[in-house]
């Protein structure tokens, strides 16, 4: 063991510099410094504080105020080495007026280190090389004296320790070749290093040999990164913490790259190729569109939902996409086709509104059904036309409809006219014709089920044709009273020998004349007066002698 020496500062000093002055902070272990060779004099860095003296008029002593601190100008002396690039860089910095960052390391030698490890005090500052001089003689070496003008404050200072000598394989430096496998401890916090992760290690995220880069900013925390060694690079990263009782490591996290994109399931995203969501999908946009193979679902800024199709029908299928059962179709012409539409609101009076069933049913109750109905009020028809046969059958003994009532039809059995039919049901049938107003109705005439026309005291003018048994009575006549059959009184009748009979065996014949003229009998075109009690013929007209006449019988 070496003899312990007294501790003294400055047994050796190293001065190094770098031209990288961009950073406002500095550290002892920053990279990029080069050591200046052949240092000939112990460098000094003096820091002065500007003091201002103030005279106080009522006191015997002067007062002083502390001002700004500044680093004093210093000189750096080296033994010149011809063509040395490091000394040449300082000469060029003086000529170019380049700012240089200097690091002075004053070694404290305790004599206790058995390795190359050294401790010392360091100072880091920025300075301009304002000039240099070259000196020498026959009995001394040539020297360069650089004048340094520090700017600003000391950037960093303190106590530092240089590390041990690092050999190949230590901390993974130069490892990965034969004979130097590198450290295989992937978890311990023993400093920045490269760790070898074998394929068989449970701590290996790839299952193939790789290297883990271990970065450790302090003694209790670190982060690690690992990469695959084949194919596109696949990166994993994790952190490690020493909580005092155990070293805890996080899971390996995959680093996303353009050649190693995550699957949708990795980031809990919906796959574009098709997927199932477990939550809601919200599109927070004033005009939001969902495009579906040309069709759109649009939520506009007014809050309306718009379903659009590229000139095709819109189909609503409540029983599934493949089922057309209960389908509702909106055609490109605006037609809505479906099995049922239910309206929950009261019936609208708008002419464009759909109609509720209860409203239609109520309106139907006010109408007369084409298939047959019972009216409770009047029916007023300006023009009644029958153009289709409503009654059909194979003969007079069978026809439809089967419900009792009165029917009007057209061209029944080839009549080419309007037909009136009474379905008598369980009654007697026939026809009755009435006249009057809302106060009173008078029966004009009726037609019995057997075809007899019964007049009810009304005057009938015009031509009446009566055809019975093939004989037709046709003339302009006036009939008063009843026309019946059997033994009752009748005005006229047709005998079996095709002769006209007046009256009947059961009553008198009465011939009436509306004027004072005597009734006549027309034969051909000649009218003959009918003689009666009030219109007796004269004796001359009948070839007779008047009662009061004198008759000359001549000579006997």
Protein backbone atom coordinates (compact mmCIF):
# COMPACT_ATOMS: atom_id res chain seq x y z
CA UNK A 1 0.00 0.00 0.00
CA UNK A 2 1.33 3.41 -0.97
CA UNK A 3 2.35 5.75 1.80
CA UNK A 4 -0.38 8.25 2.58
CA UNK A 5 0.55 11.74 1.59
CA UNK A 6 -0.67 15.07 2.84
CA UNK A 7 -3.64 16.42 1.00
CA UNK A 8 -2.90 19.49 -1.11
CA UNK A 9 -4.67 21.05 -3.99
CA UNK A 10 -3.10 21.53 -7.38
CA UNK A 11 -0.60 18.72 -7.43
CA UNK A 12 -1.70 18.45 -11.07
CA UNK A 13 -4.09 20.39 -13.25
CA UNK A 14 -5.72 19.53 -16.59
CA UNK A 15 -7.01 22.33 -18.87
CA UNK A 16 -9.35 21.27 -21.69
CA UNK A 17 -11.60 23.19 -24.06
CA UNK A 18 -14.45 22.82 -26.60
CA UNK A 19 -15.82 25.15 -29.26
CA UNK A 20 -19.40 24.03 -28.48
CA UNK A 21 -20.76 26.96 -26.45
CA UNK A 22 -24.45 26.78 -27.49
CA UNK A 23 -25.70 25.32 -24.21
CA UNK A 24 -26.32 27.64 -21.24
CA UNK A 25 -25.52 24.81 -18.84
CA UNK A 26 -22.40 22.71 -18.47
CA UNK A 27 -21.24 19.61 -16.60
CA UNK A 28 -17.94 17.96 -15.83
CA UNK A 29 -18.78 14.84 -17.81
CA UNK A 30 -19.95 16.66 -20.93
CA UNK A 31 -18.37 15.26 -24.08
CA UNK A 32 -16.37 17.14 -26.71
CA UNK A 33 -13.53 18.55 -24.56
CA UNK A 34 -9.91 18.08 -25.65
CA UNK A 35 -6.97 18.35 -23.18
CA UNK A 36 -4.38 21.05 -23.96
CA UNK A 37 -0.89 19.39 -24.00
CA UNK A 38 2.31 20.77 -22.52
CA UNK A 39 0.78 23.08 -19.91
CA UNK A 40 3.73 25.24 -18.70
CA UNK A 41 2.15 27.27 -15.89
CA UNK A 42 -0.47 26.74 -13.23
CA UNK A 43 -3.61 28.50 -14.52
CA UNK A 44 -5.46 30.85 -12.23
CA UNK A 45 -9.08 31.94 -12.32
CA UNK A 46 -9.76 34.98 -10.17
CA UNK A 47 -13.24 36.25 -9.39
CA UNK A 48 -13.59 39.83 -8.18
CA UNK A 49 -16.55 41.77 -6.90
CA UNK A 50 -16.83 45.42 -7.82
CA UNK A 51 -17.08 47.54 -4.67
CA UNK A 52 -18.42 51.10 -4.66
CA UNK A 53 -17.31 53.50 -1.89
CA UNK A 54 -19.99 55.91 -0.64
CA UNK A 55 -19.17 59.00 1.46
CA UNK A 56 -21.71 59.60 4.24
CA UNK A 57 -21.63 63.29 5.25
CA UNK A 58 -22.55 62.83 8.95
CA UNK A 59 -20.24 59.85 9.63
CA UNK A 60 -16.48 59.52 10.02
CA UNK A 61 -16.24 56.32 7.96
CA UNK A 62 -17.08 55.65 4.30
CA UNK A 63 -19.64 52.98 3.30
CA UNK A 64 -19.17 50.40 0.52
CA UNK A 65 -21.69 48.60 -1.64
CA UNK A 66 -21.04 45.23 -3.30
CA UNK A 67 -21.50 45.37 -7.09
CA UNK A 68 -21.29 42.84 -9.94
CA UNK A 69 -18.93 39.90 -9.93
CA UNK A 70 -16.60 39.29 -12.81
CA UNK A 71 -13.91 36.77 -13.78
CA UNK A 72 -10.57 38.46 -14.16
CA UNK A 73 -8.43 38.23 -17.26
CA UNK A 74 -6.08 35.23 -17.09
CA UNK A 75 -3.18 33.81 -19.04
CA UNK A 76 -2.77 30.26 -20.32
CA UNK A 77 0.92 29.30 -20.91
CA UNK A 78 1.92 26.16 -22.85
CA UNK A 79 5.18 24.80 -24.28
CA UNK A 80 4.76 25.18 -28.01
CA UNK A 81 4.54 22.02 -30.07
CA UNK A 82 5.08 22.86 -33.71
CA UNK A 83 2.09 21.87 -35.93
CA UNK A 84 0.07 20.66 -32.91
CA UNK A 85 -3.64 20.84 -33.96
CA UNK A 86 -4.88 21.56 -30.44
CA UNK A 87 -2.60 24.54 -29.88
CA UNK A 88 -3.34 25.57 -33.47
CA UNK A 89 -7.08 25.66 -32.69
CA UNK A 90 -6.45 28.18 -29.90
CA UNK A 91 -4.33 30.36 -32.22
CA UNK A 92 -7.12 30.27 -34.83
CA UNK A 93 -9.73 31.13 -32.16
CA UNK A 94 -7.71 34.26 -31.31
CA UNK A 95 -7.61 35.28 -34.98
CA UNK A 96 -11.36 34.52 -35.57
CA UNK A 97 -12.48 35.98 -32.22
CA UNK A 98 -14.25 32.67 -31.47
CA UNK A 99 -15.84 32.03 -28.06
CA UNK A 100 -14.24 29.02 -26.36
CA UNK A 101 -15.46 26.99 -23.38
CA UNK A 102 -12.65 26.05 -20.94
CA UNK A 103 -12.63 23.39 -18.18
CA UNK A 104 -9.94 23.50 -15.46
CA UNK A 105 -9.59 20.34 -13.35
CA UNK A 106 -7.39 20.73 -10.26
CA UNK A 107 -6.50 17.19 -9.10
CA UNK A 108 -6.46 16.43 -5.35
CA UNK A 109 -3.98 13.58 -4.85
CA UNK A 110 -4.58 11.62 -1.60
CA UNK A 111 -2.29 8.76 -2.45
CA UNK A 112 -5.05 6.24 -1.57
CA UNK A 113 -6.25 5.26 -5.07
CA UNK A 114 -4.79 2.04 -6.44
CA UNK A 115 -6.38 2.73 -9.83
CA UNK A 116 -6.35 5.56 -12.30
CA UNK A 117 -9.34 7.18 -10.59
CA UNK A 118 -8.73 10.81 -9.58
CA UNK A 119 -10.60 13.43 -7.57
CA UNK A 120 -10.39 17.14 -7.94
CA UNK A 121 -12.01 20.56 -8.16
CA UNK A 122 -13.24 21.83 -11.53
CA UNK A 123 -14.34 25.15 -13.00
CA UNK A 124 -16.05 25.68 -16.38
CA UNK A 125 -16.31 29.10 -18.03
CA UNK A 126 -16.54 30.73 -21.48
CA UNK A 127 -13.80 33.11 -22.69
CA UNK A 128 -12.44 34.78 -25.81
CA UNK A 129 -8.79 34.25 -26.75
CA UNK A 130 -7.96 37.93 -27.13
CA UNK A 131 -4.37 37.30 -28.18
CA UNK A 132 -1.21 35.28 -27.74
CA UNK A 133 2.57 35.82 -27.52
CA UNK A 134 5.49 33.53 -28.32
CA UNK A 135 8.58 33.60 -26.07
CA UNK A 136 11.82 31.59 -25.83
CA UNK A 137 15.65 31.70 -25.75
CA UNK A 138 18.75 29.60 -26.31
CA UNK A 139 18.41 28.12 -22.87
CA UNK A 140 14.61 27.71 -22.68
CA UNK A 141 11.77 26.14 -24.67
CA UNK A 142 9.50 28.18 -26.87
CA UNK A 143 6.24 29.01 -25.13
CA UNK A 144 2.85 30.36 -26.19
CA UNK A 145 0.99 32.65 -23.78
CA UNK A 146 -2.76 32.94 -24.59
CA UNK A 147 -4.66 35.87 -23.06
CA UNK A 148 -8.18 34.77 -22.02
CA UNK A 149 -11.05 37.26 -21.53
CA UNK A 150 -13.82 35.40 -19.63
CA UNK A 151 -17.41 36.43 -20.38
CA UNK A 152 -20.30 35.97 -18.00
CA UNK A 153 -20.12 33.89 -14.85
CA UNK A 154 -18.68 30.52 -13.95
CA UNK A 155 -20.95 28.01 -15.75
CA UNK A 156 -20.22 25.12 -13.39
CA UNK A 157 -17.81 24.27 -10.56
CA UNK A 158 -17.47 21.66 -7.89
CA UNK A 159 -15.77 18.38 -7.00
CA UNK A 160 -15.58 15.57 -9.57
CA UNK A 161 -13.98 12.18 -9.88
CA UNK A 162 -12.55 10.64 -12.98
CA UNK A 163 -13.55 7.02 -13.49
CA UNK A 164 -11.57 3.82 -13.56
CA UNK A 165 -10.06 2.60 -16.75
CA UNK A 166 -12.74 0.91 -18.87
CA UNK A 167 -11.63 -2.28 -20.61
CA UNK A 168 -13.26 -4.07 -23.53
CA UNK A 169 -16.33 -5.90 -22.31
CA UNK A 170 -16.79 -3.65 -19.25
CA UNK A 171 -20.31 -2.14 -19.23
CA UNK A 172 -20.81 -3.81 -22.61
CA UNK A 173 -18.20 -1.60 -24.34
CA UNK A 174 -16.89 -3.50 -27.35
CA UNK A 175 -18.90 -6.59 -26.36
CA UNK A 176 -20.72 -8.90 -28.74
CA UNK A 177 -17.63 -10.52 -30.24
CA UNK A 178 -15.81 -13.70 -29.35
CA UNK A 179 -14.43 -13.59 -25.84
CA UNK A 180 -16.39 -10.49 -24.84
CA UNK A 181 -20.08 -11.42 -24.32
CA UNK A 182 -20.86 -8.33 -22.25
CA UNK A 183 -22.90 -8.11 -19.01
CA UNK A 184 -26.01 -10.30 -18.92
CA UNK A 185 -27.57 -8.70 -15.83
CA UNK A 186 -30.46 -6.78 -17.41
CA UNK A 187 -31.91 -5.43 -14.18
CA UNK A 188 -29.20 -4.07 -11.86
CA UNK A 189 -28.53 -0.32 -11.71
CA UNK A 190 -24.70 -0.23 -12.05
CA UNK A 191 -24.51 2.66 -14.55
CA UNK A 192 -24.97 3.44 -18.20
CA UNK A 193 -24.17 0.35 -20.18
CA UNK A 194 -25.06 -2.15 -22.86
CA UNK A 195 -26.60 -5.39 -21.57
CA UNK A 196 -26.70 -8.69 -23.49
CA UNK A 197 -30.19 -10.30 -23.48
CA UNK A 198 -30.05 -13.94 -24.59
CA UNK A 199 -33.00 -15.54 -26.39
CA UNK A 200 -33.52 -17.83 -23.39
CA UNK A 201 -33.90 -14.90 -20.95
CA UNK A 202 -37.40 -14.28 -19.64
CA UNK A 203 -36.51 -10.57 -19.66
CA UNK A 204 -35.99 -10.62 -23.46
CA UNK A 205 -39.01 -9.07 -25.26
CA UNK A 206 -38.23 -10.72 -28.64
CA UNK A 207 -37.17 -14.31 -27.92
CA UNK A 208 -33.95 -13.81 -29.91
CA UNK A 209 -30.49 -12.60 -28.87
CA UNK A 210 -30.33 -8.82 -28.64
CA UNK A 211 -28.72 -5.94 -26.73
CA UNK A 212 -30.43 -3.71 -24.18
CA UNK A 213 -29.22 -0.12 -23.91
CA UNK A 214 -29.34 0.87 -20.25
CA UNK A 215 -29.49 4.63 -19.48
CA UNK A 216 -29.20 5.62 -15.82
CA UNK A 217 -29.44 9.30 -14.78
CA UNK A 218 -29.01 8.50 -11.05
CA UNK A 219 -28.51 5.57 -8.73
CA UNK A 220 -32.21 4.72 -8.30
CA UNK A 221 -33.85 5.15 -11.73
CA UNK A 222 -33.09 4.09 -15.29
CA UNK A 223 -34.69 3.41 -18.63
CA UNK A 224 -33.87 0.71 -21.15
CA UNK A 225 -34.45 0.25 -24.85
CA UNK A 226 -34.09 -2.93 -26.91
CA UNK A 227 -34.37 -3.66 -30.62
CA UNK A 228 -34.89 -6.73 -32.75
CA UNK A 229 -31.88 -7.84 -34.81
CA UNK A 230 -33.71 -9.17 -37.92
CA UNK A 231 -36.30 -7.73 -40.31
CA UNK A 232 -37.67 -4.26 -39.80
CA UNK A 233 -36.44 -2.82 -36.49
CA UNK A 234 -38.88 -3.48 -33.66
CA UNK A 235 -38.21 -1.30 -30.63
CA UNK A 236 -39.24 -1.84 -27.00
CA UNK A 237 -38.72 0.54 -24.07
CA UNK A 238 -39.24 0.33 -20.30
CA UNK A 239 -38.14 2.02 -17.06
CA UNK A 240 -36.68 0.66 -13.81
CA UNK A 241 -36.91 2.04 -10.26
CA UNK A 242 -35.09 1.01 -7.09
CA UNK A 243 -37.57 1.83 -4.29
CA UNK A 244 -35.17 0.81 -1.54
CA UNK A 245 -36.55 -2.66 -0.95
CA UNK A 246 -36.72 -4.00 -4.50
CA UNK A 247 -36.02 -3.10 -8.10
CA UNK A 248 -39.29 -2.65 -9.99
CA UNK A 249 -39.48 -2.78 -13.77
CA UNK A 250 -42.33 -1.68 -16.02
CA UNK A 251 -43.58 -3.85 -18.89
CA UNK A 252 -41.82 -3.58 -22.23
CA UNK A 253 -43.67 -0.96 -24.36
CA UNK A 254 -43.52 -1.19 -28.15
CA UNK A 255 -42.22 1.90 -29.98
CA UNK A 256 -44.32 2.73 -33.04
CA UNK A 257 -42.47 3.20 -36.33
CA UNK A 258 -43.59 3.51 -39.95
CA UNK A 259 -42.64 -0.15 -40.51
CA UNK A 260 -44.06 -1.40 -37.25
CA UNK A 261 -47.48 0.16 -36.96
CA UNK A 262 -49.81 -1.03 -34.20
CA UNK A 263 -52.85 -3.17 -34.89
CA UNK A 264 -56.17 -1.47 -34.11
CA UNK A 265 -56.63 -3.86 -31.19
CA UNK A 266 -53.27 -2.74 -29.76
CA UNK A 267 -54.49 0.83 -29.34
CA UNK A 268 -58.15 -0.03 -28.67
CA UNK A 269 -59.19 1.40 -32.05
CA UNK A 270 -61.83 0.33 -34.57
CA UNK A 271 -60.40 -1.54 -37.55
CA UNK A 272 -61.18 -0.11 -40.99
CA UNK A 273 -61.56 -3.66 -42.31
CA UNK A 274 -64.48 -4.24 -39.92
CA UNK A 275 -64.84 -4.39 -36.19
CA UNK A 276 -67.29 -4.31 -33.26
CA UNK A 277 -67.43 -1.31 -30.98
CA UNK A 278 -68.33 -1.62 -27.32
CA UNK A 279 -68.99 2.08 -26.78
CA UNK A 280 -70.69 5.01 -28.46
CA UNK A 281 -69.46 6.73 -31.62
CA UNK A 282 -69.83 10.50 -31.46
CA UNK A 283 -69.08 12.88 -34.32
CA UNK A 284 -68.85 16.36 -32.83
CA UNK A 285 -69.14 18.43 -35.99
CA UNK A 286 -71.58 21.05 -37.22
CA UNK A 287 -72.27 19.09 -40.42
CA UNK A 288 -71.41 15.44 -39.77
CA UNK A 289 -71.56 12.83 -42.54
CA UNK A 290 -71.35 9.05 -42.42
CA UNK A 291 -70.66 7.69 -45.92
CA UNK A 292 -71.92 4.17 -46.66
CA UNK A 293 -71.01 3.05 -50.20
CA UNK A 294 -72.55 6.14 -51.79
CA UNK A 295 -75.37 6.54 -49.28
CA UNK A 296 -75.07 9.06 -46.46
CA UNK A 297 -76.27 9.60 -42.93
CA UNK A 298 -76.07 13.35 -42.35
CA UNK A 299 -76.56 15.31 -39.17
CA UNK A 300 -76.72 18.96 -40.24
CA UNK A 301 -76.09 22.12 -38.24
CA UNK A 302 -79.83 22.54 -37.61
CA UNK A 303 -79.96 19.19 -35.77
CA UNK A 304 -81.84 17.33 -38.52
CA UNK A 305 -81.04 13.73 -39.45
CA UNK A 306 -80.90 13.25 -43.22
CA UNK A 307 -80.75 9.82 -44.89
CA UNK A 308 -79.48 10.03 -48.46
CA UNK A 309 -79.23 7.48 -51.27
CA UNK A 310 -77.70 7.90 -54.77
CA UNK A 311 -81.03 8.01 -56.65
CA UNK A 312 -82.15 4.75 -55.09
CA UNK A 313 -84.95 3.80 -52.73
CA UNK A 314 -84.40 3.94 -48.98
CA UNK A 315 -85.43 0.70 -47.26
CA UNK A 316 -86.28 0.32 -43.57
CA UNK A 317 -86.19 -3.34 -42.52
CA UNK A 318 -87.19 -3.98 -38.89
CA UNK A 319 -86.63 -7.75 -39.19
CA UNK A 320 -83.02 -7.62 -40.34
CA UNK A 321 -81.15 -6.61 -43.47
CA UNK A 322 -81.96 -9.80 -45.37
CA UNK A 323 -85.69 -9.85 -44.55
CA UNK A 324 -88.27 -7.84 -46.50
CA UNK A 325 -90.97 -8.67 -43.96
CA UNK A 326 -92.69 -5.46 -42.76
CA UNK A 327 -90.34 -3.44 -44.95
CA UNK A 328 -90.98 0.27 -45.42
CA UNK A 329 -89.75 1.72 -48.71
CA UNK A 330 -89.25 5.37 -49.63
CA UNK A 331 -89.05 5.57 -53.41
CA UNK A 332 -87.08 8.12 -55.42
CA UNK A 333 -90.42 9.76 -56.32
CA UNK A 334 -91.24 10.24 -52.64
CA UNK A 335 -93.72 7.37 -52.43
CA UNK A 336 -93.74 5.59 -49.05
CA UNK A 337 -94.68 1.92 -49.27
CA UNK A 338 -95.31 -0.20 -46.19
CA UNK A 339 -97.80 -2.55 -44.59
CA UNK A 340 -99.13 -0.19 -41.94
CA UNK A 341 -98.64 3.37 -40.82
CA UNK A 342 -99.95 4.34 -37.37
CA UNK A 343 -100.59 7.96 -36.48
CA UNK A 344 -100.45 8.72 -32.76
CA UNK A 345 -101.50 12.36 -33.03
CA UNK A 346 -105.00 13.68 -33.68
CA UNK A 347 -106.08 13.82 -37.31
CA UNK A 348 -104.53 16.84 -39.04
CA UNK A 349 -106.63 19.12 -41.25
CA UNK A 350 -103.68 19.68 -43.61
CA UNK A 351 -104.51 18.44 -47.11
CA UNK A 352 -101.11 16.69 -47.22
CA UNK A 353 -101.60 14.78 -43.97
CA UNK A 354 -101.91 11.01 -43.69
CA UNK A 355 -105.27 9.73 -42.45
CA UNK A 356 -106.03 7.90 -39.23
CA UNK A 357 -108.23 4.78 -39.38
CA UNK A 358 -110.63 6.05 -36.75
CA UNK A 359 -111.10 9.23 -38.79
CA UNK A 360 -111.76 7.21 -41.96
CA UNK A 361 -114.15 4.90 -40.15
CA UNK A 362 -116.04 7.91 -38.87
CA UNK A 363 -116.25 9.37 -42.35
CA UNK A 364 -117.33 6.01 -43.81
CA UNK A 365 -120.26 5.91 -41.40
CA UNK A 366 -121.44 9.11 -43.05
CA UNK A 367 -121.31 7.59 -46.55
CA UNK A 368 -123.50 5.13 -48.45
CA UNK A 369 -121.67 1.91 -49.23
CA UNK A 370 -121.56 0.88 -52.89
CA UNK A 371 -122.10 -2.70 -51.80
CA UNK A 372 -125.33 -1.81 -50.00
CA UNK A 373 -126.26 0.22 -46.98
CA UNK A 374 -129.10 1.61 -44.84
CA UNK A 375 -129.52 5.39 -44.87
CA UNK A 376 -130.92 7.34 -41.93
CA UNK A 377 -131.39 10.57 -43.89
CA UNK A 378 -132.32 11.87 -47.32
CA UNK A 379 -130.41 11.15 -50.52
CA UNK A 380 -130.35 14.00 -53.03
CA UNK A 381 -128.97 13.10 -56.46
CA UNK A 382 -128.92 15.79 -59.19
CA UNK A 383 -128.54 13.17 -61.92
CA UNK A 384 -128.98 9.45 -61.33
CA UNK A 385 -127.40 7.25 -63.94
CA UNK A 386 -127.20 3.47 -63.95
CA UNK A 387 -124.63 2.15 -66.35
CA UNK A 388 -123.78 -1.25 -64.93
CA UNK A 389 -125.97 -4.24 -64.28
CA UNK A 390 -126.48 -4.60 -60.54
CA UNK A 391 -128.97 -7.44 -60.78
CA UNK A 392 -128.05 -10.70 -62.46
CA UNK A 393 -129.74 -14.07 -62.82
CA UNK A 394 -130.61 -16.89 -65.15
CA UNK A 395 -134.31 -16.05 -65.28
CA UNK A 396 -137.19 -14.37 -63.54
CA UNK A 397 -137.11 -17.09 -60.89
CA UNK A 398 -133.52 -16.51 -59.69
CA UNK A 399 -131.51 -13.30 -59.37
CA UNK A 400 -129.20 -11.41 -57.08
CA UNK A 401 -128.86 -9.50 -54.80
CA UNK A 402 -130.73 -11.62 -52.28
CA UNK A 403 -131.62 -8.79 -49.86
CA UNK A 404 -135.17 -7.38 -49.98
CA UNK A 405 -135.41 -3.85 -51.30
CA UNK A 406 -135.77 -1.69 -54.37
CA UNK A 407 -133.13 -1.77 -57.12
CA UNK A 408 -132.39 0.23 -60.22
CA UNK A 409 -130.34 -1.38 -62.95
CA UNK A 410 -129.58 -0.98 -66.61
CA UNK A 411 -130.04 -3.37 -69.50
CA UNK A 412 -131.35 -6.18 -67.35
CA UNK A 413 -131.96 -9.15 -69.63
CA UNK A 414 -131.22 -7.06 -72.70
CA UNK A 415 -133.80 -4.35 -72.14
CA UNK A 416 -131.33 -1.64 -73.24
CA UNK A 417 -133.05 0.63 -70.77
CA UNK A 418 -133.41 1.41 -67.11
CA UNK A 419 -135.08 -1.32 -65.06
CA UNK A 420 -136.85 -0.94 -61.69
CA UNK A 421 -136.95 -4.09 -59.57
CA UNK A 422 -138.63 -4.75 -56.24
CA UNK A 423 -137.21 -7.58 -54.14
CA UNK A 424 -140.32 -8.19 -52.07
CA UNK A 425 -138.65 -10.51 -49.58
CA UNK A 426 -141.47 -11.79 -47.28
CA UNK A 427 -143.86 -8.94 -48.27
CA UNK A 428 -146.27 -8.53 -51.22
CA UNK A 429 -144.08 -6.31 -53.40
CA UNK A 430 -145.26 -3.80 -55.99
CA UNK A 431 -144.48 -0.14 -56.64
CA UNK A 432 -145.90 3.11 -55.22
CA UNK A 433 -145.35 6.67 -56.49
CA UNK A 434 -145.73 9.61 -54.12
CA UNK A 435 -145.76 13.38 -54.35
CA UNK A 436 -145.64 16.11 -51.76
CA UNK A 437 -143.28 17.95 -49.47
CA UNK A 438 -141.78 17.61 -46.00
CA UNK A 439 -145.23 18.29 -44.48
CA UNK A 440 -147.25 15.77 -46.47
CA UNK A 441 -146.88 13.08 -49.11
CA UNK A 442 -149.76 12.02 -51.41
CA UNK A 443 -149.76 8.73 -53.23
CA UNK A 444 -150.27 9.36 -56.95
CA UNK A 445 -150.59 5.81 -58.13
CA UNK A 446 -149.27 2.36 -57.46
CA UNK A 447 -148.54 -0.79 -59.37
CA UNK A 448 -149.68 -3.95 -57.71
CA UNK A 449 -147.55 -7.14 -57.69
CA UNK A 450 -149.74 -8.43 -60.57
CA UNK A 451 -149.17 -5.35 -62.73
CA UNK A 452 -152.40 -3.43 -62.06
CA UNK A 453 -151.99 0.33 -62.06
CA UNK A 454 -154.01 1.96 -59.33
CA UNK A 455 -154.50 5.74 -59.57
CA UNK A 456 -155.28 7.68 -56.45
CA UNK A 457 -157.57 10.51 -57.62
CA UNK A 458 -155.01 12.26 -59.74
CA UNK A 459 -155.61 13.44 -63.29
CA UNK A 460 -153.44 11.73 -65.85
CA UNK A 461 -152.87 13.46 -69.17
CA UNK A 462 -151.07 12.22 -72.20
CA UNK A 463 -151.10 8.90 -73.96
CA UNK A 464 -151.66 5.72 -71.97
CA UNK A 465 -151.10 2.36 -73.58
CA UNK A 466 -152.53 -0.65 -71.85
CA UNK A 467 -151.76 -4.05 -73.25
CA UNK A 468 -153.47 -7.13 -71.89
CA UNK A 469 -153.58 -10.48 -73.68
CA UNK A 470 -152.08 -9.03 -76.85
CA UNK A 471 -154.77 -6.30 -77.37
CA UNK A 472 -153.54 -2.69 -76.93
CA UNK A 473 -155.82 0.19 -76.06
CA UNK A 474 -154.04 3.34 -77.21
CA UNK A 475 -155.61 6.81 -77.29
CA UNK A 476 -155.76 10.17 -75.54
CA UNK A 477 -158.23 9.43 -72.79
CA UNK A 478 -159.05 10.70 -69.28
CA UNK A 479 -159.74 8.08 -66.63
CA UNK A 480 -161.39 8.89 -63.31
CA UNK A 481 -162.06 6.42 -60.56
CA UNK A 482 -160.78 2.90 -60.12
CA UNK A 483 -159.88 0.33 -62.67
CA UNK A 484 -160.24 -3.07 -61.17
CA UNK A 485 -161.03 -6.60 -62.25
CA UNK A 486 -163.62 -9.11 -61.19
CA UNK A 487 -167.18 -8.01 -60.37
CA UNK A 488 -166.20 -4.59 -59.07
CA UNK A 489 -167.03 -1.41 -60.96
CA UNK A 490 -164.74 -0.68 -63.80
CA UNK A 491 -164.61 1.97 -66.44
CA UNK A 492 -163.30 -0.09 -69.33
CA UNK A 493 -162.27 -3.57 -70.01
CA UNK A 494 -161.29 -5.80 -72.89
CA UNK A 495 -163.61 -8.67 -73.56
CA UNK A 496 -162.51 -12.05 -74.74
CA UNK A 497 -163.85 -11.31 -78.22
CA UNK A 498 -161.57 -8.30 -78.58
CA UNK A 499 -164.38 -5.82 -77.97
CA UNK A 500 -164.35 -2.89 -75.61
CA UNK A 501 -166.77 -3.15 -72.74
CA UNK A 502 -167.87 -0.20 -70.63
CA UNK A 503 -168.88 -0.61 -67.05
CA UNK A 504 -169.75 -3.93 -65.49
CA UNK A 505 -172.74 -6.04 -64.66
CA UNK A 506 -172.73 -4.77 -61.14
CA UNK A 507 -173.12 -0.99 -61.78
CA UNK A 508 -174.34 1.84 -64.01
CA UNK A 509 -172.41 3.46 -66.83
CA UNK A 510 -171.87 7.17 -66.41
CA UNK A 511 -170.46 9.27 -69.26
CA UNK A 512 -169.25 12.70 -68.19
CA UNK A 513 -168.55 15.76 -70.30
CA UNK A 514 -166.36 18.57 -69.00
CA UNK A 515 -168.08 21.23 -71.25
CA UNK A 516 -171.70 21.96 -72.33
CA UNK A 517 -171.07 20.13 -75.57
CA UNK A 518 -172.66 16.77 -75.94
CA UNK A 519 -170.39 13.75 -76.00
CA UNK A 520 -169.66 12.27 -79.39
CA UNK A 521 -168.58 9.00 -80.87
CA UNK A 522 -165.87 9.22 -83.54
CA UNK A 523 -166.07 6.79 -86.42
CA UNK A 524 -163.19 7.21 -88.78
CA UNK A 525 -162.86 10.92 -89.11
CA UNK A 526 -166.51 11.73 -88.43
CA UNK A 527 -167.84 12.62 -85.00
CA UNK A 528 -171.38 11.55 -84.10
CA UNK A 529 -173.24 13.13 -81.20
CA UNK A 530 -174.41 10.74 -78.56
CA UNK A 531 -178.15 11.16 -77.81
CA UNK A 532 -179.11 11.13 -74.19
CA UNK A 533 -181.85 12.47 -71.92
CA UNK A 534 -180.58 15.95 -72.30
CA UNK A 535 -179.94 15.65 -76.00
CA UNK A 536 -182.83 13.82 -77.61
CA UNK A 537 -183.14 13.53 -81.40
CA UNK A 538 -185.97 15.37 -83.22
CA UNK A 539 -188.82 13.41 -84.82
CA UNK A 540 -187.46 14.40 -88.14
CA UNK A 541 -183.96 13.06 -87.28
CA UNK A 542 -185.44 9.70 -86.47
CA UNK A 543 -188.20 9.75 -89.09
CA UNK A 544 -191.12 10.17 -86.63
CA UNK A 545 -194.15 12.46 -86.20
CA UNK A 546 -194.27 14.99 -83.46
CA UNK A 547 -196.98 14.52 -80.83
CA UNK A 548 -198.77 17.78 -81.58
CA UNK A 549 -198.45 17.51 -85.31
CA UNK A 550 -201.50 17.15 -87.64
CA UNK A 551 -201.19 14.09 -89.68
CA UNK A 552 -202.82 13.98 -93.05
CA UNK A 553 -203.59 10.45 -93.69
CA UNK A 554 -205.06 11.31 -97.11
CA UNK A 555 -208.36 10.08 -98.63
CA UNK A 556 -209.58 6.71 -97.67
